[in-house]
Amino acid sequence: MALLISDECINCDVCEPECPNGAISQGTDIYIIAPELCTECIGHHDKPQCMEVCPVDCISQDPDVVEDKDSLYQKFLKISA
């Protein structure tokens, strides 16, 4: 699954620079994650870095974008090619 930032986001700016795929950007009100770029850090790290640094735990898996680890790894290979 791609990750999703909830409206509990406080715009603290710590998640955006941690994303190795550039999937996180400032939205209208809160930060957003582009599902086509999110690999949950597979290929880069053991755990999603945005979730690791978020001080309010407002990042979770997006139930609307279901992907298994192999699909996420294939996306990583495509993005990093």
N, C-alpha and C. Protein backbone atom coordinates (compact mmCIF):
# COMPACT_ATOMS: atom_id res chain seq x y z
N MET A 1 0.84 -1.19 0.00
CA MET A 1 0.00 0.00 0.00
C MET A 1 0.88 1.24 0.00
N ALA A 2 0.41 2.25 -0.62
CA ALA A 2 1.04 3.55 -0.49
C ALA A 2 0.64 4.10 0.88
N LEU A 3 1.30 5.13 1.29
CA LEU A 3 1.00 5.74 2.58
C LEU A 3 0.13 6.97 2.38
N LEU A 4 -0.52 7.39 3.45
CA LEU A 4 -1.47 8.49 3.43
C LEU A 4 -1.24 9.35 4.66
N ILE A 5 -1.27 10.66 4.49
CA ILE A 5 -1.14 11.59 5.61
C ILE A 5 -2.54 12.08 5.96
N SER A 6 -2.92 11.95 7.23
CA SER A 6 -4.26 12.35 7.66
C SER A 6 -4.31 13.85 7.96
N ASP A 7 -5.51 14.32 8.21
CA ASP A 7 -5.69 15.75 8.51
C ASP A 7 -5.18 16.13 9.90
N GLU A 8 -4.61 15.17 10.61
CA GLU A 8 -3.97 15.48 11.89
C GLU A 8 -2.58 16.07 11.68
N CYS A 9 -2.12 16.12 10.43
CA CYS A 9 -0.81 16.68 10.08
C CYS A 9 -0.70 18.11 10.60
N ILE A 10 0.44 18.43 11.22
CA ILE A 10 0.66 19.76 11.76
C ILE A 10 1.63 20.58 10.90
N ASN A 11 1.94 20.09 9.69
CA ASN A 11 2.83 20.79 8.77
C ASN A 11 4.18 21.11 9.40
N CYS A 12 4.75 20.15 10.08
CA CYS A 12 6.02 20.38 10.78
C CYS A 12 7.23 20.31 9.85
N ASP A 13 7.03 19.85 8.62
CA ASP A 13 8.09 19.81 7.60
C ASP A 13 9.15 18.73 7.79
N VAL A 14 8.98 17.78 8.69
CA VAL A 14 10.04 16.78 8.89
C VAL A 14 9.92 15.59 7.94
N CYS A 15 8.74 15.30 7.42
CA CYS A 15 8.58 14.10 6.58
C CYS A 15 9.10 14.31 5.16
N GLU A 16 8.87 15.47 4.59
CA GLU A 16 9.21 15.70 3.18
C GLU A 16 10.67 15.40 2.84
N PRO A 17 11.63 15.92 3.59
CA PRO A 17 13.03 15.62 3.22
C PRO A 17 13.46 14.18 3.48
N GLU A 18 12.68 13.43 4.26
CA GLU A 18 13.03 12.05 4.57
C GLU A 18 12.63 11.07 3.47
N CYS A 19 11.74 11.49 2.56
CA CYS A 19 11.25 10.59 1.52
C CYS A 19 12.29 10.43 0.41
N PRO A 20 12.82 9.22 0.23
CA PRO A 20 13.85 9.02 -0.78
C PRO A 20 13.32 9.07 -2.21
N ASN A 21 12.00 9.00 -2.38
CA ASN A 21 11.41 9.01 -3.72
C ASN A 21 10.79 10.35 -4.09
N GLY A 22 10.83 11.31 -3.19
CA GLY A 22 10.22 12.60 -3.47
C GLY A 22 8.71 12.52 -3.57
N ALA A 23 8.10 11.58 -2.86
CA ALA A 23 6.66 11.36 -2.94
C ALA A 23 5.86 12.33 -2.07
N ILE A 24 6.51 13.00 -1.14
CA ILE A 24 5.80 13.88 -0.20
C ILE A 24 5.97 15.33 -0.63
N SER A 25 4.86 16.06 -0.65
CA SER A 25 4.89 17.48 -1.00
C SER A 25 3.83 18.22 -0.20
N GLN A 26 3.96 19.54 -0.18
CA GLN A 26 2.99 20.36 0.53
C GLN A 26 1.71 20.44 -0.29
N GLY A 27 0.61 20.05 0.33
CA GLY A 27 -0.69 20.17 -0.32
C GLY A 27 -1.33 21.51 0.04
N THR A 28 -2.61 21.63 -0.20
CA THR A 28 -3.31 22.87 0.10
C THR A 28 -3.31 23.17 1.60
N ASP A 29 -3.63 22.16 2.41
CA ASP A 29 -3.71 22.36 3.85
C ASP A 29 -2.67 21.56 4.64
N ILE A 30 -2.35 20.37 4.13
CA ILE A 30 -1.40 19.49 4.81
C ILE A 30 -0.47 18.86 3.76
N TYR A 31 0.53 18.18 4.24
CA TYR A 31 1.40 17.45 3.31
C TYR A 31 0.63 16.29 2.71
N ILE A 32 1.01 15.93 1.48
CA ILE A 32 0.36 14.82 0.79
C ILE A 32 1.43 13.86 0.25
N ILE A 33 1.02 12.64 0.00
CA ILE A 33 1.92 11.62 -0.55
C ILE A 33 1.38 11.18 -1.90
N ALA A 34 2.22 11.25 -2.94
CA ALA A 34 1.84 10.79 -4.27
C ALA A 34 1.95 9.27 -4.31
N PRO A 35 0.82 8.56 -4.44
CA PRO A 35 0.86 7.10 -4.38
C PRO A 35 1.70 6.48 -5.49
N GLU A 36 1.82 7.16 -6.63
CA GLU A 36 2.61 6.61 -7.72
C GLU A 36 4.12 6.65 -7.45
N LEU A 37 4.53 7.41 -6.43
CA LEU A 37 5.95 7.49 -6.05
C LEU A 37 6.26 6.81 -4.72
N CYS A 38 5.24 6.52 -3.93
CA CYS A 38 5.45 5.94 -2.60
C CYS A 38 5.72 4.44 -2.70
N THR A 39 6.86 4.02 -2.16
CA THR A 39 7.19 2.59 -2.09
C THR A 39 7.30 2.13 -0.64
N GLU A 40 6.83 2.95 0.29
CA GLU A 40 6.98 2.68 1.72
C GLU A 40 8.45 2.48 2.06
N CYS A 41 9.31 3.14 1.30
CA CYS A 41 10.77 3.10 1.46
C CYS A 41 11.39 1.75 1.10
N ILE A 42 10.60 0.83 0.54
CA ILE A 42 11.17 -0.45 0.10
C ILE A 42 12.20 -0.14 -0.98
N GLY A 43 13.36 -0.77 -0.84
CA GLY A 43 14.48 -0.51 -1.74
C GLY A 43 15.45 0.49 -1.17
N HIS A 44 15.02 1.24 -0.16
CA HIS A 44 15.87 2.24 0.48
C HIS A 44 16.12 1.94 1.96
N HIS A 45 15.03 1.67 2.69
CA HIS A 45 15.09 1.50 4.14
C HIS A 45 14.20 0.34 4.57
N ASP A 46 14.39 -0.13 5.80
CA ASP A 46 13.57 -1.20 6.34
C ASP A 46 12.17 -0.74 6.74
N LYS A 47 12.04 0.54 7.10
CA LYS A 47 10.76 1.09 7.53
C LYS A 47 10.51 2.40 6.81
N PRO A 48 9.23 2.75 6.61
CA PRO A 48 8.93 4.04 6.00
C PRO A 48 9.49 5.18 6.86
N GLN A 49 10.36 5.97 6.28
CA GLN A 49 11.03 7.02 7.04
C GLN A 49 10.09 8.14 7.47
N CYS A 50 9.08 8.43 6.68
CA CYS A 50 8.14 9.48 7.08
C CYS A 50 7.41 9.09 8.36
N MET A 51 7.05 7.80 8.46
CA MET A 51 6.38 7.32 9.67
C MET A 51 7.33 7.36 10.87
N GLU A 52 8.59 7.11 10.63
CA GLU A 52 9.58 7.10 11.71
C GLU A 52 9.76 8.48 12.32
N VAL A 53 9.69 9.54 11.49
CA VAL A 53 9.98 10.89 11.99
C VAL A 53 8.74 11.71 12.35
N CYS A 54 7.56 11.25 11.96
CA CYS A 54 6.34 12.02 12.21
C CYS A 54 6.07 12.14 13.71
N PRO A 55 6.02 13.37 14.23
CA PRO A 55 5.80 13.55 15.67
C PRO A 55 4.36 13.33 16.14
N VAL A 56 3.41 13.31 15.21
CA VAL A 56 2.01 13.14 15.60
C VAL A 56 1.40 11.84 15.07
N ASP A 57 2.20 10.98 14.49
CA ASP A 57 1.73 9.69 13.97
C ASP A 57 0.50 9.82 13.09
N CYS A 58 0.57 10.73 12.12
CA CYS A 58 -0.58 10.95 11.24
C CYS A 58 -0.42 10.27 9.88
N ILE A 59 0.56 9.38 9.75
CA ILE A 59 0.79 8.69 8.48
C ILE A 59 0.45 7.21 8.65
N SER A 60 -0.38 6.73 7.75
CA SER A 60 -0.81 5.32 7.79
C SER A 60 -0.89 4.78 6.37
N GLN A 61 -1.21 3.50 6.26
CA GLN A 61 -1.36 2.90 4.94
C GLN A 61 -2.67 3.39 4.32
N ASP A 62 -2.63 3.64 3.03
CA ASP A 62 -3.80 4.12 2.30
C ASP A 62 -4.63 2.92 1.86
N PRO A 63 -5.83 2.74 2.41
CA PRO A 63 -6.65 1.58 2.05
C PRO A 63 -7.13 1.62 0.60
N ASP A 64 -7.04 2.78 -0.06
CA ASP A 64 -7.47 2.90 -1.44
C ASP A 64 -6.38 2.53 -2.44
N VAL A 65 -5.14 2.37 -1.95
CA VAL A 65 -4.02 2.03 -2.84
C VAL A 65 -3.34 0.79 -2.27
N VAL A 66 -3.88 -0.38 -2.58
CA VAL A 66 -3.39 -1.64 -2.04
C VAL A 66 -2.29 -2.21 -2.93
N GLU A 67 -1.09 -2.41 -2.34
CA GLU A 67 0.04 -2.97 -3.05
C GLU A 67 0.80 -3.91 -2.11
N ASP A 68 1.27 -5.02 -2.64
CA ASP A 68 2.08 -5.91 -1.81
C ASP A 68 3.55 -5.49 -1.91
N LYS A 69 4.40 -6.13 -1.10
CA LYS A 69 5.81 -5.75 -1.06
C LYS A 69 6.50 -5.92 -2.41
N ASP A 70 6.13 -6.95 -3.15
CA ASP A 70 6.74 -7.17 -4.46
C ASP A 70 6.37 -6.03 -5.42
N SER A 71 5.11 -5.62 -5.39
CA SER A 71 4.67 -4.50 -6.24
C SER A 71 5.40 -3.21 -5.86
N LEU A 72 5.56 -2.99 -4.56
CA LEU A 72 6.29 -1.80 -4.11
C LEU A 72 7.74 -1.85 -4.55
N TYR A 73 8.35 -3.04 -4.51
CA TYR A 73 9.74 -3.18 -4.95
C TYR A 73 9.85 -2.95 -6.46
N GLN A 74 8.90 -3.45 -7.22
CA GLN A 74 8.91 -3.23 -8.67
C GLN A 74 8.75 -1.73 -8.99
N LYS A 75 7.94 -1.04 -8.20
CA LYS A 75 7.79 0.41 -8.37
C LYS A 75 9.10 1.10 -8.04
N PHE A 76 9.78 0.67 -6.98
CA PHE A 76 11.09 1.22 -6.63
C PHE A 76 12.07 1.07 -7.79
N LEU A 77 12.10 -0.12 -8.40
CA LEU A 77 13.02 -0.36 -9.53
C LEU A 77 12.70 0.56 -10.70
N LYS A 78 11.43 0.76 -10.97
CA LYS A 78 11.02 1.63 -12.07
C LYS A 78 11.40 3.09 -11.78
N ILE A 79 11.14 3.54 -10.56
CA ILE A 79 11.43 4.93 -10.19
C ILE A 79 12.93 5.20 -10.20
N SER A 80 13.70 4.24 -9.74
CA SER A 80 15.15 4.46 -9.59
C SER A 80 15.95 4.12 -10.84
N ALA A 81 15.27 3.67 -11.89
CA ALA A 81 15.97 3.30 -13.13
C ALA A 81 16.53 4.51 -13.85
